[in-house]
């Protein structure tokens, strides 16, 4: 019989929470159209943010809102993360 063991650790919960917060901040920065803010968030959390998540949501959102500078940055970030 196989049983599932659930292991909870406050440190893991904190890391997951911080990662979600950084991703939400990154997404909001893409929608504002402010390249300085986006660069700052990227530099602080590029190891935690997946810019390809959600079917390229941030890229599509920036395109929809007409933020060419953000689209260019996301394209450059994409080249860096490959």
C-alpha atoms as a PDB file:
ATOM      1  CA  UNK A   1       0.000   0.000   0.000  1.00  0.00           C
ATOM      2  CA  UNK A   2       1.326   3.397  -1.014  1.00  0.00           C
ATOM      3  CA  UNK A   3       0.702   6.295   1.297  1.00  0.00           C
ATOM      4  CA  UNK A   4       1.255   9.945   0.606  1.00  0.00           C
ATOM      5  CA  UNK A   5       3.389  11.867   3.031  1.00  0.00           C
ATOM      6  CA  UNK A   6       2.763  15.588   3.226  1.00  0.00           C
ATOM      7  CA  UNK A   7       5.740  17.569   4.413  1.00  0.00           C
ATOM      8  CA  UNK A   8       5.163  21.178   5.267  1.00  0.00           C
ATOM      9  CA  UNK A   9       7.922  23.523   6.113  1.00  0.00           C
ATOM     10  CA  UNK A  10       7.547  27.208   6.853  1.00  0.00           C
ATOM     11  CA  UNK A  11      10.640  27.977   4.781  1.00  0.00           C
ATOM     12  CA  UNK A  12       9.167  26.299   1.701  1.00  0.00           C
ATOM     13  CA  UNK A  13       5.877  28.161   2.183  1.00  0.00           C
ATOM     14  CA  UNK A  14       7.772  31.437   2.483  1.00  0.00           C
ATOM     15  CA  UNK A  15       9.759  30.775  -0.695  1.00  0.00           C
ATOM     16  CA  UNK A  16       6.592  29.912  -2.616  1.00  0.00           C
ATOM     17  CA  UNK A  17       4.850  33.025  -1.306  1.00  0.00           C
ATOM     18  CA  UNK A  18       7.792  35.272  -2.228  1.00  0.00           C
ATOM     19  CA  UNK A  19       7.959  33.751  -5.706  1.00  0.00           C
ATOM     20  CA  UNK A  20       4.256  34.391  -6.293  1.00  0.00           C
ATOM     21  CA  UNK A  21       4.636  37.986  -5.079  1.00  0.00           C
ATOM     22  CA  UNK A  22       7.564  38.587  -7.421  1.00  0.00           C
ATOM     23  CA  UNK A  23       5.660  37.111 -10.358  1.00  0.00           C
ATOM     24  CA  UNK A  24       2.627  39.293  -9.640  1.00  0.00           C
ATOM     25  CA  UNK A  25       4.851  42.386  -9.377  1.00  0.00           C
ATOM     26  CA  UNK A  26       6.516  41.490 -12.668  1.00  0.00           C
ATOM     27  CA  UNK A  27       3.147  41.050 -14.388  1.00  0.00           C
ATOM     28  CA  UNK A  28       1.865  44.370 -13.047  1.00  0.00           C
ATOM     29  CA  UNK A  29       5.040  46.118 -14.213  1.00  0.00           C
ATOM     30  CA  UNK A  30       4.455  44.776 -17.728  1.00  0.00           C
ATOM     31  CA  UNK A  31       1.002  46.336 -17.719  1.00  0.00           C
ATOM     32  CA  UNK A  32       2.111  49.754 -16.506  1.00  0.00           C
ATOM     33  CA  UNK A  33       4.456  50.386 -19.413  1.00  0.00           C
ATOM     34  CA  UNK A  34       7.302  51.657 -17.224  1.00  0.00           C
ATOM     35  CA  UNK A  35      10.571  50.097 -18.465  1.00  0.00           C
ATOM     36  CA  UNK A  36      12.605  51.317 -15.458  1.00  0.00           C
ATOM     37  CA  UNK A  37      10.331  49.498 -13.014  1.00  0.00           C
ATOM     38  CA  UNK A  38      10.325  46.358 -15.152  1.00  0.00           C
ATOM     39  CA  UNK A  39      14.138  46.319 -15.356  1.00  0.00           C
ATOM     40  CA  UNK A  40      14.411  46.798 -11.597  1.00  0.00           C
ATOM     41  CA  UNK A  41      12.018  43.945 -10.843  1.00  0.00           C
ATOM     42  CA  UNK A  42      13.756  41.704 -13.400  1.00  0.00           C
ATOM     43  CA  UNK A  43      17.182  42.388 -11.886  1.00  0.00           C
ATOM     44  CA  UNK A  44      15.911  41.588  -8.380  1.00  0.00           C
ATOM     45  CA  UNK A  45      13.992  38.445  -9.258  1.00  0.00           C
ATOM     46  CA  UNK A  46      15.080  37.017 -12.609  1.00  0.00           C
ATOM     47  CA  UNK A  47      15.788  33.659 -10.994  1.00  0.00           C
ATOM     48  CA  UNK A  48      12.218  33.443  -9.693  1.00  0.00           C
ATOM     49  CA  UNK A  49      10.246  34.852 -12.630  1.00  0.00           C
ATOM     50  CA  UNK A  50       9.304  32.703 -15.597  1.00  0.00           C
ATOM     51  CA  UNK A  51       8.480  35.099 -18.426  1.00  0.00           C
ATOM     52  CA  UNK A  52       7.019  32.271 -20.505  1.00  0.00           C
ATOM     53  CA  UNK A  53       4.349  31.234 -17.999  1.00  0.00           C
ATOM     54  CA  UNK A  54       0.677  31.510 -18.871  1.00  0.00           C
ATOM     55  CA  UNK A  55       1.083  31.279 -22.650  1.00  0.00           C
ATOM     56  CA  UNK A  56       3.361  34.343 -22.721  1.00  0.00           C
ATOM     57  CA  UNK A  57       0.775  36.394 -20.827  1.00  0.00           C
ATOM     58  CA  UNK A  58       3.065  39.321 -19.959  1.00  0.00           C
ATOM     59  CA  UNK A  59       4.241  39.639 -23.562  1.00  0.00           C
ATOM     60  CA  UNK A  60       0.708  39.492 -24.954  1.00  0.00           C
ATOM     61  CA  UNK A  61      -0.573  41.951 -22.345  1.00  0.00           C
ATOM     62  CA  UNK A  62       2.169  44.475 -23.086  1.00  0.00           C
ATOM     63  CA  UNK A  63       1.425  44.144 -26.824  1.00  0.00           C
ATOM     64  CA  UNK A  64      -2.288  44.633 -26.242  1.00  0.00           C
ATOM     65  CA  UNK A  65      -1.671  47.765 -24.180  1.00  0.00           C
ATOM     66  CA  UNK A  66       0.740  49.160 -26.773  1.00  0.00           C
ATOM     67  CA  UNK A  67       3.849  49.200 -24.563  1.00  0.00           C
ATOM     68  CA  UNK A  68       6.539  48.747 -27.205  1.00  0.00           C
ATOM     69  CA  UNK A  69       9.387  49.431 -24.759  1.00  0.00           C
ATOM     70  CA  UNK A  70       8.094  46.649 -22.474  1.00  0.00           C
ATOM     71  CA  UNK A  71       7.687  44.263 -25.407  1.00  0.00           C
ATOM     72  CA  UNK A  72      11.295  44.968 -26.447  1.00  0.00           C
ATOM     73  CA  UNK A  73      12.524  44.323 -22.896  1.00  0.00           C
ATOM     74  CA  UNK A  74      10.580  41.080 -22.600  1.00  0.00           C
ATOM     75  CA  UNK A  75      12.036  39.968 -25.913  1.00  0.00           C
ATOM     76  CA  UNK A  76      15.542  40.756 -24.635  1.00  0.00           C
ATOM     77  CA  UNK A  77      14.848  38.974 -21.314  1.00  0.00           C
ATOM     78  CA  UNK A  78      13.641  35.959 -23.270  1.00  0.00           C
ATOM     79  CA  UNK A  79      16.905  35.811 -25.205  1.00  0.00           C
ATOM     80  CA  UNK A  80      18.841  35.976 -21.919  1.00  0.00           C
ATOM     81  CA  UNK A  81      16.928  33.147 -20.288  1.00  0.00           C
ATOM     82  CA  UNK A  82      17.400  30.613 -23.094  1.00  0.00           C
END
